[in-house]
Amino acid sequence: MNPPILIVEGLTKYFGNLSAVVDLNFELARGEILGVIGPNGAGKTTLFNLISGQTRPNQGRIIFNGADVTHTQPFRKCRMGIARTYQIPRPFSNMTVLENLLVGSVHGEGLAGKQARTKCGEILATTGMVSKRNVLAGSLTLLDRKRLELAKALSTNPELLLIDEVAGGLMESEVEEVLGIIRALRASGVTILWVEHIMMAMKKGPDRLLVMNAGSLLFCGTPEQAFKSEEVQRVYLGSNGG
């Protein structure tokens, strides 16, 4: 078996007296989609900030492709192959969709000229944005802003993509479209760690679910196992699992 692309060992982060993440341990297999769910305040966003380098842990290690990146700066992690999206898309509104991607391709991956445009064209096709390539990002619908958020992250050519609530605010049919994009990304070789509150997406998309509560690991298993777990239902879904 291939070694995991990501290993989190004893990861702990405090903000004053608040325990945001506590002794968290898990592994992410190369090519896997691992979903992360939990109630508000469970530590999901802090986990993403720790992995992407925006926050430093108090304890623990983050191993990416066999290298300890616990204290590596965010831009270096980006160059190493870690990218992330944000819950609220913030594109360069006065630039076109293509120009937004070129920023990541040139400054994140280091491409230039025709090579950068070719790469961005491929990403536009993968995310269903070819027809919007010359549209100003500030005029996009919510669904297309979500697509662009994924495309921007892909423009740095990541091996590991951290997806932060990309399905939030979308209609069911739009969530299905996003699921299709994420499955295509996995098929292309991108490994995905995905935080989400939309349970339809979490039931259909990930291979496994990691359930957090109060900064700690509550459960890890298949989506089917997670949604049948009495502990998960009690803490997150309510006693009836609804």
Protein backbone atom coordinates (compact mmCIF):
# COMPACT_ATOMS: atom_id res chain seq x y z
CA MET A 1 0.00 0.00 0.00
CA ASN A 2 1.12 3.56 -0.72
CA PRO A 3 2.02 5.68 2.31
CA PRO A 4 -0.62 8.26 3.31
CA ILE A 5 -0.29 11.69 1.74
CA LEU A 6 -1.19 13.38 5.05
CA ILE A 7 -0.59 12.32 8.64
CA VAL A 8 -1.86 14.35 11.59
CA GLU A 9 -0.30 13.37 14.91
CA GLY A 10 -1.43 14.71 18.28
CA LEU A 11 -2.44 18.05 16.79
CA THR A 12 -3.43 20.53 19.50
CA LYS A 13 -4.28 24.23 19.36
CA TYR A 14 -5.37 26.53 22.19
CA PHE A 15 -6.61 30.09 21.95
CA GLY A 16 -6.20 31.31 25.50
CA ASN A 17 -8.36 28.98 27.60
CA LEU A 18 -10.24 27.69 24.56
CA SER A 19 -9.29 24.24 23.30
CA ALA A 20 -9.88 24.50 19.54
CA VAL A 21 -8.19 21.22 18.52
CA VAL A 22 -7.17 18.59 21.08
CA ASP A 23 -4.80 15.67 20.42
CA LEU A 24 -6.19 15.02 16.95
CA ASN A 25 -4.84 12.01 15.03
CA PHE A 26 -5.76 10.77 11.56
CA GLU A 27 -4.30 9.75 8.20
CA LEU A 28 -5.45 10.61 4.69
CA ALA A 29 -4.74 8.12 1.91
CA ARG A 30 -3.53 9.36 -1.45
CA GLY A 31 -6.50 9.72 -3.79
CA GLU A 32 -9.06 9.63 -0.98
CA ILE A 33 -11.91 12.04 -0.23
CA LEU A 34 -12.14 12.48 3.54
CA GLY A 35 -15.10 14.50 4.78
CA VAL A 36 -14.99 16.42 8.07
CA ILE A 37 -18.20 17.20 9.93
CA GLY A 38 -19.11 18.42 13.39
CA PRO A 39 -21.18 21.05 15.19
CA ASN A 40 -20.22 24.73 15.17
CA GLY A 41 -17.11 25.22 17.27
CA ALA A 42 -15.92 21.64 16.74
CA GLY A 43 -12.54 22.81 15.44
CA LYS A 44 -12.98 22.16 11.72
CA THR A 45 -11.82 25.58 10.50
CA THR A 46 -8.92 25.59 12.95
CA LEU A 47 -7.87 22.21 11.57
CA PHE A 48 -7.79 23.66 8.04
CA ASN A 49 -5.84 26.69 9.24
CA LEU A 50 -3.29 24.44 10.92
CA ILE A 51 -2.81 22.23 7.86
CA SER A 52 -2.59 25.18 5.45
CA GLY A 53 -0.15 27.02 7.73
CA GLN A 54 -2.26 30.03 8.66
CA THR A 55 -2.16 28.95 12.31
CA ARG A 56 0.65 27.28 14.26
CA PRO A 57 -0.19 24.40 16.64
CA ASN A 58 0.76 24.27 20.30
CA GLN A 59 1.58 20.58 19.98
CA GLY A 60 1.61 17.81 17.41
CA ARG A 61 2.87 17.25 13.87
CA ILE A 62 1.59 17.55 10.32
CA ILE A 63 3.33 15.23 7.83
CA PHE A 64 2.76 15.84 4.11
CA ASN A 65 4.31 13.50 1.54
CA GLY A 66 6.65 12.23 4.24
CA ALA A 67 7.92 15.70 5.23
CA ASP A 68 7.21 17.46 8.51
CA VAL A 69 5.40 20.67 7.48
CA THR A 70 4.04 21.58 10.92
CA HIS A 71 5.72 24.98 10.98
CA THR A 72 6.10 25.55 7.23
CA GLN A 73 4.86 28.92 5.95
CA PRO A 74 1.62 28.94 3.92
CA PHE A 75 3.22 30.01 0.62
CA ARG A 76 5.77 27.20 0.91
CA LYS A 77 3.02 24.68 1.62
CA CYS A 78 1.27 25.95 -1.50
CA ARG A 79 4.40 25.37 -3.58
CA MET A 80 4.71 21.89 -2.01
CA GLY A 81 1.21 20.96 -3.19
CA ILE A 82 -1.33 21.99 -0.52
CA ALA A 83 -4.17 24.30 -1.55
CA ARG A 84 -7.44 25.34 0.05
CA THR A 85 -10.74 27.01 -0.71
CA TYR A 86 -12.67 29.31 1.62
CA GLN A 87 -16.26 29.14 2.80
CA ILE A 88 -16.93 32.66 1.50
CA PRO A 89 -15.42 33.05 -1.99
CA ARG A 90 -13.37 36.22 -2.39
CA PRO A 91 -12.27 36.39 -6.03
CA PHE A 92 -10.56 39.36 -7.60
CA SER A 93 -13.91 40.90 -8.55
CA ASN A 94 -12.62 43.31 -11.19
CA MET A 95 -10.68 40.59 -13.00
CA THR A 96 -12.08 37.97 -15.34
CA VAL A 97 -12.44 34.33 -14.38
CA LEU A 98 -9.40 33.45 -16.48
CA GLU A 99 -7.33 36.24 -14.95
CA ASN A 100 -8.20 34.99 -11.48
CA LEU A 101 -6.81 31.58 -12.40
CA LEU A 102 -3.70 33.03 -14.01
CA VAL A 103 -2.79 34.69 -10.71
CA GLY A 104 -2.61 31.29 -9.03
CA SER A 105 -0.93 29.59 -11.96
CA VAL A 106 1.80 32.22 -12.31
CA HIS A 107 2.44 33.02 -8.65
CA GLY A 108 1.44 29.69 -7.10
CA GLU A 109 2.76 27.13 -9.57
CA GLY A 110 5.32 29.34 -11.30
CA LEU A 111 4.03 28.89 -14.86
CA ALA A 112 4.13 31.62 -17.48
CA GLY A 113 2.76 32.61 -20.88
CA LYS A 114 1.16 29.97 -23.06
CA GLN A 115 1.86 27.21 -20.55
CA ALA A 116 -0.10 29.03 -17.84
CA ARG A 117 -3.03 29.75 -20.17
CA THR A 118 -3.15 26.14 -21.33
CA LYS A 119 -3.19 24.90 -17.75
CA CYS A 120 -5.91 27.36 -16.78
CA GLY A 121 -7.96 26.33 -19.79
CA GLU A 122 -7.87 22.73 -18.57
CA ILE A 123 -9.03 23.82 -15.12
CA LEU A 124 -11.89 25.85 -16.62
CA ALA A 125 -13.02 22.71 -18.47
CA THR A 126 -12.83 20.56 -15.32
CA THR A 127 -14.89 23.04 -13.29
CA GLY A 128 -17.42 23.81 -16.03
CA MET A 129 -16.33 27.44 -16.40
CA VAL A 130 -15.13 27.61 -20.02
CA SER A 131 -18.05 29.78 -21.10
CA LYS A 132 -17.33 32.20 -18.24
CA ARG A 133 -13.62 32.63 -18.87
CA ASN A 134 -13.94 36.31 -19.91
CA VAL A 135 -16.68 37.22 -17.42
CA LEU A 136 -15.79 39.52 -14.52
CA ALA A 137 -15.68 37.48 -11.32
CA GLY A 138 -17.73 40.05 -9.44
CA SER A 139 -20.75 39.38 -11.66
CA LEU A 140 -20.89 35.60 -11.16
CA THR A 141 -23.78 33.71 -9.56
CA LEU A 142 -23.16 31.96 -6.23
CA LEU A 143 -22.72 28.58 -7.95
CA ASP A 144 -20.18 30.01 -10.37
CA ARG A 145 -18.33 31.77 -7.54
CA LYS A 146 -18.08 28.38 -5.85
CA ARG A 147 -16.79 26.86 -9.09
CA LEU A 148 -14.25 29.66 -9.38
CA GLU A 149 -13.14 29.11 -5.79
CA LEU A 150 -12.34 25.48 -6.65
CA ALA A 151 -10.69 26.53 -9.91
CA LYS A 152 -8.48 29.11 -8.16
CA ALA A 153 -7.24 26.47 -5.73
CA LEU A 154 -6.55 24.08 -8.60
CA SER A 155 -4.52 26.73 -10.44
CA THR A 156 -1.60 26.11 -8.05
CA ASN A 157 -1.57 22.42 -9.10
CA PRO A 158 -2.18 20.87 -5.66
CA GLU A 159 -1.80 17.25 -4.66
CA LEU A 160 -3.93 17.90 -1.56
CA LEU A 161 -6.98 20.16 -1.73
CA LEU A 162 -8.71 21.41 1.42
CA ILE A 163 -12.33 22.27 0.55
CA ASP A 164 -14.20 24.49 3.02
CA GLU A 165 -18.02 24.25 2.76
CA VAL A 166 -18.27 24.59 -1.00
CA ALA A 167 -21.88 23.35 -0.99
CA GLY A 168 -23.17 25.95 1.46
CA GLY A 169 -26.06 28.08 0.11
CA LEU A 170 -26.56 25.98 -3.02
CA MET A 171 -29.74 24.27 -4.22
CA GLU A 172 -29.83 20.47 -4.31
CA SER A 173 -29.27 20.34 -8.07
CA GLU A 174 -26.30 22.69 -7.72
CA VAL A 175 -24.82 20.54 -4.95
CA GLU A 176 -24.99 17.61 -7.38
CA GLU A 177 -23.01 19.66 -9.91
CA VAL A 178 -20.35 20.43 -7.31
CA LEU A 179 -20.19 16.75 -6.36
CA GLY A 180 -19.50 15.94 -9.99
CA ILE A 181 -16.59 18.39 -10.05
CA ILE A 182 -15.11 16.98 -6.85
CA ARG A 183 -15.36 13.43 -8.14
CA ALA A 184 -13.58 14.54 -11.32
CA LEU A 185 -10.82 16.09 -9.24
CA ARG A 186 -10.31 12.87 -7.34
CA ALA A 187 -10.24 10.94 -10.62
CA SER A 188 -7.48 13.27 -11.83
CA GLY A 189 -5.33 12.36 -8.81
CA VAL A 190 -6.13 15.13 -6.34
CA THR A 191 -6.56 14.05 -2.71
CA ILE A 192 -9.35 15.92 -0.91
CA LEU A 193 -10.05 16.89 2.71
CA TRP A 194 -13.54 18.40 2.76
CA VAL A 195 -15.34 20.26 5.56
CA GLU A 196 -19.07 20.55 4.95
CA HIS A 197 -22.40 21.14 6.72
CA ILE A 198 -24.62 19.96 3.84
CA MET A 199 -25.34 16.36 4.81
CA MET A 200 -26.51 15.34 1.34
CA ALA A 201 -23.01 16.12 0.08
CA MET A 202 -21.36 14.29 2.97
CA LYS A 203 -23.47 11.17 2.39
CA LYS A 204 -22.62 11.01 -1.32
CA GLY A 205 -19.13 12.49 -1.73
CA PRO A 206 -16.49 11.26 0.75
CA ASP A 207 -14.98 7.80 1.09
CA ARG A 208 -14.76 8.31 4.87
CA LEU A 209 -16.08 10.82 7.39
CA LEU A 210 -14.11 12.27 10.27
CA VAL A 211 -16.50 13.59 12.92
CA MET A 212 -15.18 16.24 15.32
CA ASN A 213 -16.66 17.49 18.57
CA ALA A 214 -15.14 20.07 20.95
CA GLY A 215 -11.83 19.89 19.09
CA SER A 216 -11.46 16.12 19.39
CA LEU A 217 -12.03 13.14 17.11
CA LEU A 218 -15.43 11.63 17.83
CA PHE A 219 -15.69 9.10 15.01
CA CYS A 220 -14.01 8.07 11.75
CA GLY A 221 -15.48 5.63 9.27
CA THR A 222 -17.57 5.37 6.13
CA PRO A 223 -20.46 7.82 5.70
CA GLU A 224 -22.90 4.94 6.20
CA GLN A 225 -21.23 3.98 9.47
CA ALA A 226 -21.09 7.60 10.63
CA PHE A 227 -24.77 8.31 10.06
CA LYS A 228 -25.72 5.08 11.86
CA SER A 229 -23.52 5.84 14.87
CA GLU A 230 -25.58 6.62 17.96
CA GLU A 231 -22.80 8.87 19.28
CA VAL A 232 -22.71 10.89 16.05
CA GLN A 233 -26.50 11.19 16.08
CA ARG A 234 -26.48 12.32 19.69
CA VAL A 235 -23.76 14.94 19.33
CA TYR A 236 -24.32 16.23 15.80
CA LEU A 237 -27.43 15.01 14.08
CA GLY A 238 -29.90 14.86 16.96
CA SER A 239 -31.26 11.76 18.62
CA ASN A 240 -33.25 10.65 15.56
CA GLY A 241 -30.36 11.14 13.13
CA GLY A 242 -32.29 13.71 11.10
